[in-house]
């Protein structure tokens, strides 16, 4: 578990600013498996946010703000 440098409200505000913008995310899926995805933050809800993936299937994935707080989801520059 990573030491938290921001609180949940700060994370929500930063993700709200990224809504509609294409982002690259590194996701820790556990057991040393890291996925990198490209997509657009589509919706921001009180507990979660959704990302529309930029691939052939255009699937929608949901993440919680706690995932970002703990470091399981990391936004990286494109």
PDB file of N, CA and C in Angstrom:
ATOM      1  N   UNK A   1       0.841  -1.183   0.000  1.00  0.00           N
ATOM      2  CA  UNK A   1       0.000   0.000   0.000  1.00  0.00           C
ATOM      3  C   UNK A   1       0.880   1.239   0.000  1.00  0.00           C
ATOM      4  N   UNK A   2       0.516   2.176  -0.835  1.00  0.00           N
ATOM      5  CA  UNK A   2       1.289   3.392  -0.992  1.00  0.00           C
ATOM      6  C   UNK A   2       0.849   4.445   0.010  1.00  0.00           C
ATOM      7  N   UNK A   3       1.768   5.282   0.431  1.00  0.00           N
ATOM      8  CA  UNK A   3       1.436   6.357   1.358  1.00  0.00           C
ATOM      9  C   UNK A   3       0.616   7.419   0.628  1.00  0.00           C
ATOM     10  N   UNK A   4      -0.520   7.773   1.158  1.00  0.00           N
ATOM     11  CA  UNK A   4      -1.426   8.712   0.503  1.00  0.00           C
ATOM     12  C   UNK A   4      -0.884  10.136   0.617  1.00  0.00           C
ATOM     13  N   UNK A   5      -0.796  10.825  -0.512  1.00  0.00           N
ATOM     14  CA  UNK A   5      -0.361  12.219  -0.517  1.00  0.00           C
ATOM     15  C   UNK A   5      -1.532  13.163  -0.764  1.00  0.00           C
ATOM     16  N   UNK A   6      -2.641  12.630  -1.253  1.00  0.00           N
ATOM     17  CA  UNK A   6      -3.848  13.428  -1.491  1.00  0.00           C
ATOM     18  C   UNK A   6      -5.015  12.744  -0.802  1.00  0.00           C
ATOM     19  N   UNK A   7      -6.079  13.495  -0.585  1.00  0.00           N
ATOM     20  CA  UNK A   7      -7.278  12.863  -0.049  1.00  0.00           C
ATOM     21  C   UNK A   7      -8.261  12.582  -1.179  1.00  0.00           C
ATOM     22  N   UNK A   8      -9.325  11.895  -0.853  1.00  0.00           N
ATOM     23  CA  UNK A   8     -10.303  11.469  -1.860  1.00  0.00           C
ATOM     24  C   UNK A   8     -10.908  12.659  -2.603  1.00  0.00           C
ATOM     25  N   UNK A   9     -11.215  13.739  -1.901  1.00  0.00           N
ATOM     26  CA  UNK A   9     -11.830  14.899  -2.559  1.00  0.00           C
ATOM     27  C   UNK A   9     -10.894  15.540  -3.575  1.00  0.00           C
ATOM     28  N   UNK A  10      -9.603  15.611  -3.270  1.00  0.00           N
ATOM     29  CA  UNK A  10      -8.636  16.158  -4.224  1.00  0.00           C
ATOM     30  C   UNK A  10      -8.547  15.272  -5.464  1.00  0.00           C
ATOM     31  N   UNK A  11      -8.578  13.959  -5.268  1.00  0.00           N
ATOM     32  CA  UNK A  11      -8.527  13.021  -6.387  1.00  0.00           C
ATOM     33  C   UNK A  11      -9.772  13.173  -7.257  1.00  0.00           C
ATOM     34  N   UNK A  12     -10.952  13.290  -6.632  1.00  0.00           N
ATOM     35  CA  UNK A  12     -12.195  13.476  -7.389  1.00  0.00           C
ATOM     36  C   UNK A  12     -12.123  14.738  -8.239  1.00  0.00           C
ATOM     37  N   UNK A  13     -11.610  15.820  -7.671  1.00  0.00           N
ATOM     38  CA  UNK A  13     -11.524  17.074  -8.416  1.00  0.00           C
ATOM     39  C   UNK A  13     -10.561  16.968  -9.593  1.00  0.00           C
ATOM     40  N   UNK A  14      -9.429  16.308  -9.402  1.00  0.00           N
ATOM     41  CA  UNK A  14      -8.464  16.141 -10.499  1.00  0.00           C
ATOM     42  C   UNK A  14      -9.041  15.282 -11.619  1.00  0.00           C
ATOM     43  N   UNK A  15      -9.748  14.216 -11.263  1.00  0.00           N
ATOM     44  CA  UNK A  15     -10.354  13.354 -12.278  1.00  0.00           C
ATOM     45  C   UNK A  15     -11.494  14.080 -12.976  1.00  0.00           C
ATOM     46  N   UNK A  16     -12.230  14.891 -12.255  1.00  0.00           N
ATOM     47  CA  UNK A  16     -13.297  15.687 -12.863  1.00  0.00           C
ATOM     48  C   UNK A  16     -12.728  16.648 -13.902  1.00  0.00           C
ATOM     49  N   UNK A  17     -11.532  17.192 -13.655  1.00  0.00           N
ATOM     50  CA  UNK A  17     -10.880  18.074 -14.623  1.00  0.00           C
ATOM     51  C   UNK A  17     -10.448  17.309 -15.871  1.00  0.00           C
ATOM     52  N   UNK A  18     -10.189  16.000 -15.737  1.00  0.00           N
ATOM     53  CA  UNK A  18      -9.760  15.175 -16.866  1.00  0.00           C
ATOM     54  C   UNK A  18     -10.931  14.597 -17.668  1.00  0.00           C
ATOM     55  N   UNK A  19     -12.163  14.848 -17.237  1.00  0.00           N
ATOM     56  CA  UNK A  19     -13.331  14.286 -17.915  1.00  0.00           C
ATOM     57  C   UNK A  19     -13.361  14.737 -19.373  1.00  0.00           C
ATOM     58  N   UNK A  20     -13.494  13.755 -20.269  1.00  0.00           N
ATOM     59  CA  UNK A  20     -13.550  14.029 -21.692  1.00  0.00           C
ATOM     60  C   UNK A  20     -12.189  14.082 -22.363  1.00  0.00           C
ATOM     61  N   UNK A  21     -11.130  13.959 -21.587  1.00  0.00           N
ATOM     62  CA  UNK A  21      -9.770  14.014 -22.117  1.00  0.00           C
ATOM     63  C   UNK A  21      -9.208  12.604 -22.205  1.00  0.00           C
ATOM     64  N   UNK A  22      -8.462  12.334 -23.269  1.00  0.00           N
ATOM     65  CA  UNK A  22      -7.849  11.017 -23.433  1.00  0.00           C
ATOM     66  C   UNK A  22      -6.665  10.890 -22.476  1.00  0.00           C
ATOM     67  N   UNK A  23      -6.620   9.782 -21.746  1.00  0.00           N
ATOM     68  CA  UNK A  23      -5.568   9.543 -20.756  1.00  0.00           C
ATOM     69  C   UNK A  23      -4.957   8.162 -20.961  1.00  0.00           C
ATOM     70  N   UNK A  24      -3.766   7.990 -20.417  1.00  0.00           N
ATOM     71  CA  UNK A  24      -3.112   6.685 -20.374  1.00  0.00           C
ATOM     72  C   UNK A  24      -3.007   6.303 -18.910  1.00  0.00           C
ATOM     73  N   UNK A  25      -3.403   5.068 -18.596  1.00  0.00           N
ATOM     74  CA  UNK A  25      -3.427   4.623 -17.207  1.00  0.00           C
ATOM     75  C   UNK A  25      -2.669   3.315 -17.061  1.00  0.00           C
ATOM     76  N   UNK A  26      -1.922   3.211 -15.969  1.00  0.00           N
ATOM     77  CA  UNK A  26      -1.284   1.955 -15.591  1.00  0.00           C
ATOM     78  C   UNK A  26      -2.090   1.385 -14.437  1.00  0.00           C
ATOM     79  N   UNK A  27      -2.529   0.130 -14.584  1.00  0.00           N
ATOM     80  CA  UNK A  27      -3.409  -0.491 -13.604  1.00  0.00           C
ATOM     81  C   UNK A  27      -2.730  -1.713 -13.023  1.00  0.00           C
ATOM     82  N   UNK A  28      -2.630  -1.753 -11.695  1.00  0.00           N
ATOM     83  CA  UNK A  28      -2.076  -2.901 -11.002  1.00  0.00           C
ATOM     84  C   UNK A  28      -3.203  -3.900 -10.773  1.00  0.00           C
ATOM     85  N   UNK A  29      -3.163  -5.013 -11.489  1.00  0.00           N
ATOM     86  CA  UNK A  29      -4.207  -6.035 -11.392  1.00  0.00           C
ATOM     87  C   UNK A  29      -3.873  -7.096 -10.345  1.00  0.00           C
ATOM     88  N   UNK A  30      -2.733  -6.987  -9.691  1.00  0.00           N
ATOM     89  CA  UNK A  30      -2.337  -7.958  -8.675  1.00  0.00           C
ATOM     90  C   UNK A  30      -1.421  -9.025  -9.236  1.00  0.00           C
ATOM     91  N   UNK A  31      -0.690  -9.665  -8.358  1.00  0.00           N
ATOM     92  CA  UNK A  31       0.246 -10.740  -8.728  1.00  0.00           C
ATOM     93  C   UNK A  31       1.197 -10.323  -9.838  1.00  0.00           C
ATOM     94  N   UNK A  32       1.749  -9.125  -9.677  1.00  0.00           N
ATOM     95  CA  UNK A  32       2.754  -8.578 -10.595  1.00  0.00           C
ATOM     96  C   UNK A  32       2.245  -8.404 -12.019  1.00  0.00           C
ATOM     97  N   UNK A  33       0.948  -8.179 -12.178  1.00  0.00           N
ATOM     98  CA  UNK A  33       0.374  -7.945 -13.497  1.00  0.00           C
ATOM     99  C   UNK A  33      -0.036  -6.474 -13.604  1.00  0.00           C
ATOM    100  N   UNK A  34       0.614  -5.771 -14.514  1.00  0.00           N
ATOM    101  CA  UNK A  34       0.337  -4.361 -14.749  1.00  0.00           C
ATOM    102  C   UNK A  34      -0.203  -4.211 -16.172  1.00  0.00           C
ATOM    103  N   UNK A  35      -1.384  -3.597 -16.300  1.00  0.00           N
ATOM    104  CA  UNK A  35      -1.973  -3.324 -17.609  1.00  0.00           C
ATOM    105  C   UNK A  35      -1.868  -1.833 -17.899  1.00  0.00           C
ATOM    106  N   UNK A  36      -1.617  -1.496 -19.140  1.00  0.00           N
ATOM    107  CA  UNK A  36      -1.616  -0.114 -19.588  1.00  0.00           C
ATOM    108  C   UNK A  36      -2.762   0.054 -20.570  1.00  0.00           C
ATOM    109  N   UNK A  37      -3.622   1.020 -20.286  1.00  0.00           N
ATOM    110  CA  UNK A  37      -4.770   1.253 -21.158  1.00  0.00           C
ATOM    111  C   UNK A  37      -4.808   2.716 -21.582  1.00  0.00           C
ATOM    112  N   UNK A  38      -5.357   2.951 -22.752  1.00  0.00           N
ATOM    113  CA  UNK A  38      -5.624   4.301 -23.254  1.00  0.00           C
ATOM    114  C   UNK A  38      -7.123   4.448 -23.372  1.00  0.00           C
ATOM    115  N   UNK A  39      -7.636   5.574 -22.922  1.00  0.00           N
ATOM    116  CA  UNK A  39      -9.065   5.784 -23.011  1.00  0.00           C
ATOM    117  C   UNK A  39      -9.448   7.193 -22.614  1.00  0.00           C
ATOM    118  N   UNK A  40     -10.738   7.437 -22.625  1.00  0.00           N
ATOM    119  CA  UNK A  40     -11.290   8.741 -22.283  1.00  0.00           C
ATOM    120  C   UNK A  40     -12.149   8.605 -21.039  1.00  0.00           C
ATOM    121  N   UNK A  41     -11.950   9.496 -20.083  1.00  0.00           N
ATOM    122  CA  UNK A  41     -12.795   9.484 -18.889  1.00  0.00           C
ATOM    123  C   UNK A  41     -14.164   9.977 -19.318  1.00  0.00           C
ATOM    124  N   UNK A  42     -15.141   9.076 -19.203  1.00  0.00           N
ATOM    125  CA  UNK A  42     -16.461   9.375 -19.748  1.00  0.00           C
ATOM    126  C   UNK A  42     -17.386  10.001 -18.702  1.00  0.00           C
ATOM    127  N   UNK A  43     -17.526   9.370 -17.547  1.00  0.00           N
ATOM    128  CA  UNK A  43     -18.426   9.872 -16.509  1.00  0.00           C
ATOM    129  C   UNK A  43     -17.728   9.850 -15.164  1.00  0.00           C
ATOM    130  N   UNK A  44     -18.132  10.800 -14.310  1.00  0.00           N
ATOM    131  CA  UNK A  44     -17.604  10.887 -12.958  1.00  0.00           C
ATOM    132  C   UNK A  44     -18.789  10.827 -12.003  1.00  0.00           C
ATOM    133  N   UNK A  45     -18.801   9.821 -11.155  1.00  0.00           N
ATOM    134  CA  UNK A  45     -19.872   9.606 -10.190  1.00  0.00           C
ATOM    135  C   UNK A  45     -19.329   9.820  -8.783  1.00  0.00           C
ATOM    136  N   UNK A  46     -20.195   9.853  -7.756  1.00  0.00           N
ATOM    137  CA  UNK A  46     -19.714  10.090  -6.390  1.00  0.00           C
ATOM    138  C   UNK A  46     -18.690   9.071  -5.877  1.00  0.00           C
ATOM    139  N   UNK A  47     -18.789   7.809  -6.281  1.00  0.00           N
ATOM    140  CA  UNK A  47     -17.882   6.789  -5.764  1.00  0.00           C
ATOM    141  C   UNK A  47     -16.925   6.222  -6.797  1.00  0.00           C
ATOM    142  N   UNK A  48     -17.264   6.336  -8.074  1.00  0.00           N
ATOM    143  CA  UNK A  48     -16.470   5.726  -9.144  1.00  0.00           C
ATOM    144  C   UNK A  48     -16.396   6.667 -10.344  1.00  0.00           C
ATOM    145  N   UNK A  49     -15.484   6.331 -11.279  1.00  0.00           N
ATOM    146  CA  UNK A  49     -15.438   7.005 -12.570  1.00  0.00           C
ATOM    147  C   UNK A  49     -15.290   5.945 -13.648  1.00  0.00           C
ATOM    148  N   UNK A  50     -15.782   6.256 -14.844  1.00  0.00           N
ATOM    149  CA  UNK A  50     -15.754   5.291 -15.934  1.00  0.00           C
ATOM    150  C   UNK A  50     -14.807   5.774 -17.026  1.00  0.00           C
ATOM    151  N   UNK A  51     -14.143   4.798 -17.661  1.00  0.00           N
ATOM    152  CA  UNK A  51     -13.198   5.081 -18.733  1.00  0.00           C
ATOM    153  C   UNK A  51     -13.620   4.278 -19.960  1.00  0.00           C
ATOM    154  N   UNK A  52     -13.830   4.959 -21.074  1.00  0.00           N
ATOM    155  CA  UNK A  52     -14.141   4.310 -22.340  1.00  0.00           C
ATOM    156  C   UNK A  52     -12.813   4.016 -23.023  1.00  0.00           C
ATOM    157  N   UNK A  53     -12.502   2.728 -23.179  1.00  0.00           N
ATOM    158  CA  UNK A  53     -11.216   2.319 -23.721  1.00  0.00           C
ATOM    159  C   UNK A  53     -11.120   2.597 -25.205  1.00  0.00           C
ATOM    160  N   UNK A  54      -9.924   2.934 -25.617  1.00  0.00           N
ATOM    161  CA  UNK A  54      -9.665   3.229 -27.021  1.00  0.00           C
ATOM    162  C   UNK A  54      -9.078   1.974 -27.662  1.00  0.00           C
ATOM    163  N   UNK A  55      -9.942   1.039 -28.007  1.00  0.00           N
ATOM    164  CA  UNK A  55      -9.524  -0.185 -28.686  1.00  0.00           C
ATOM    165  C   UNK A  55     -10.638  -0.610 -29.637  1.00  0.00           C
ATOM    166  N   UNK A  56     -10.494  -1.767 -30.216  1.00  0.00           N
ATOM    167  CA  UNK A  56     -11.467  -2.234 -31.205  1.00  0.00           C
ATOM    168  C   UNK A  56     -12.855  -2.438 -30.608  1.00  0.00           C
ATOM    169  N   UNK A  57     -12.916  -2.889 -29.367  1.00  0.00           N
ATOM    170  CA  UNK A  57     -14.213  -3.178 -28.745  1.00  0.00           C
ATOM    171  C   UNK A  57     -14.857  -1.972 -28.085  1.00  0.00           C
ATOM    172  N   UNK A  58     -14.084  -0.931 -27.785  1.00  0.00           N
ATOM    173  CA  UNK A  58     -14.581   0.260 -27.091  1.00  0.00           C
ATOM    174  C   UNK A  58     -15.338  -0.112 -25.817  1.00  0.00           C
ATOM    175  N   UNK A  59     -14.712  -0.893 -24.974  1.00  0.00           N
ATOM    176  CA  UNK A  59     -15.348  -1.313 -23.729  1.00  0.00           C
ATOM    177  C   UNK A  59     -15.264  -0.213 -22.681  1.00  0.00           C
ATOM    178  N   UNK A  60     -16.122  -0.299 -21.703  1.00  0.00           N
ATOM    179  CA  UNK A  60     -16.205   0.662 -20.620  1.00  0.00           C
ATOM    180  C   UNK A  60     -15.719   0.000 -19.342  1.00  0.00           C
ATOM    181  N   UNK A  61     -14.769   0.630 -18.648  1.00  0.00           N
ATOM    182  CA  UNK A  61     -14.278   0.092 -17.382  1.00  0.00           C
ATOM    183  C   UNK A  61     -14.537   1.102 -16.284  1.00  0.00           C
ATOM    184  N   UNK A  62     -14.769   0.580 -15.091  1.00  0.00           N
ATOM    185  CA  UNK A  62     -15.078   1.408 -13.937  1.00  0.00           C
ATOM    186  C   UNK A  62     -13.975   1.271 -12.897  1.00  0.00           C
ATOM    187  N   UNK A  63     -13.587   2.406 -12.313  1.00  0.00           N
ATOM    188  CA  UNK A  63     -12.565   2.435 -11.273  1.00  0.00           C
ATOM    189  C   UNK A  63     -13.065   3.292 -10.121  1.00  0.00           C
ATOM    190  N   UNK A  64     -12.601   2.986  -8.924  1.00  0.00           N
ATOM    191  CA  UNK A  64     -12.966   3.794  -7.768  1.00  0.00           C
ATOM    192  C   UNK A  64     -11.849   4.794  -7.474  1.00  0.00           C
ATOM    193  N   UNK A  65     -12.191   5.836  -6.748  1.00  0.00           N
ATOM    194  CA  UNK A  65     -11.195   6.834  -6.361  1.00  0.00           C
ATOM    195  C   UNK A  65     -10.198   6.236  -5.379  1.00  0.00           C
ATOM    196  N   UNK A  66     -10.630   5.243  -4.633  1.00  0.00           N
ATOM    197  CA  UNK A  66      -9.749   4.560  -3.693  1.00  0.00           C
ATOM    198  C   UNK A  66      -8.620   3.835  -4.434  1.00  0.00           C
ATOM    199  N   UNK A  67      -8.916   3.310  -5.638  1.00  0.00           N
ATOM    200  CA  UNK A  67      -7.872   2.676  -6.455  1.00  0.00           C
ATOM    201  C   UNK A  67      -6.758   3.669  -6.778  1.00  0.00           C
ATOM    202  N   UNK A  68      -7.125   4.905  -7.074  1.00  0.00           N
ATOM    203  CA  UNK A  68      -6.144   5.945  -7.374  1.00  0.00           C
ATOM    204  C   UNK A  68      -5.395   6.318  -6.100  1.00  0.00           C
ATOM    205  N   UNK A  69      -6.112   6.446  -4.991  1.00  0.00           N
ATOM    206  CA  UNK A  69      -5.500   6.816  -3.719  1.00  0.00           C
ATOM    207  C   UNK A  69      -4.445   5.805  -3.283  1.00  0.00           C
ATOM    208  N   UNK A  70      -4.725   4.523  -3.464  1.00  0.00           N
ATOM    209  CA  UNK A  70      -3.812   3.455  -3.046  1.00  0.00           C
ATOM    210  C   UNK A  70      -2.686   3.210  -4.040  1.00  0.00           C
ATOM    211  N   UNK A  71      -2.786   3.754  -5.230  1.00  0.00           N
ATOM    212  CA  UNK A  71      -1.741   3.566  -6.221  1.00  0.00           C
ATOM    213  C   UNK A  71      -1.977   2.395  -7.144  1.00  0.00           C
ATOM    214  N   UNK A  72      -3.156   1.783  -7.091  1.00  0.00           N
ATOM    215  CA  UNK A  72      -3.467   0.686  -8.013  1.00  0.00           C
ATOM    216  C   UNK A  72      -3.775   1.196  -9.415  1.00  0.00           C
ATOM    217  N   UNK A  73      -4.187   2.442  -9.523  1.00  0.00           N
ATOM    218  CA  UNK A  73      -4.419   3.088 -10.813  1.00  0.00           C
ATOM    219  C   UNK A  73      -3.561   4.347 -10.839  1.00  0.00           C
ATOM    220  N   UNK A  74      -2.686   4.439 -11.857  1.00  0.00           N
ATOM    221  CA  UNK A  74      -1.782   5.577 -11.970  1.00  0.00           C
ATOM    222  C   UNK A  74      -1.974   6.200 -13.348  1.00  0.00           C
ATOM    223  N   UNK A  75      -2.202   7.503 -13.376  1.00  0.00           N
ATOM    224  CA  UNK A  75      -2.311   8.214 -14.645  1.00  0.00           C
ATOM    225  C   UNK A  75      -0.909   8.579 -15.092  1.00  0.00           C
ATOM    226  N   UNK A  76      -0.612   8.307 -16.370  1.00  0.00           N
ATOM    227  CA  UNK A  76       0.708   8.659 -16.895  1.00  0.00           C
ATOM    228  C   UNK A  76       0.532   9.580 -18.097  1.00  0.00           C
ATOM    229  N   UNK A  77       1.570  10.321 -18.406  1.00  0.00           N
ATOM    230  CA  UNK A  77       1.512  11.258 -19.517  1.00  0.00           C
ATOM    231  C   UNK A  77       1.572  10.518 -20.835  1.00  0.00           C
ATOM    232  N   UNK A  78       0.889  11.067 -21.834  1.00  0.00           N
ATOM    233  CA  UNK A  78       0.920  10.454 -23.165  1.00  0.00           C
ATOM    234  C   UNK A  78       1.982  11.096 -23.990  1.00  0.00           C
TER     235      UNK A  78
END
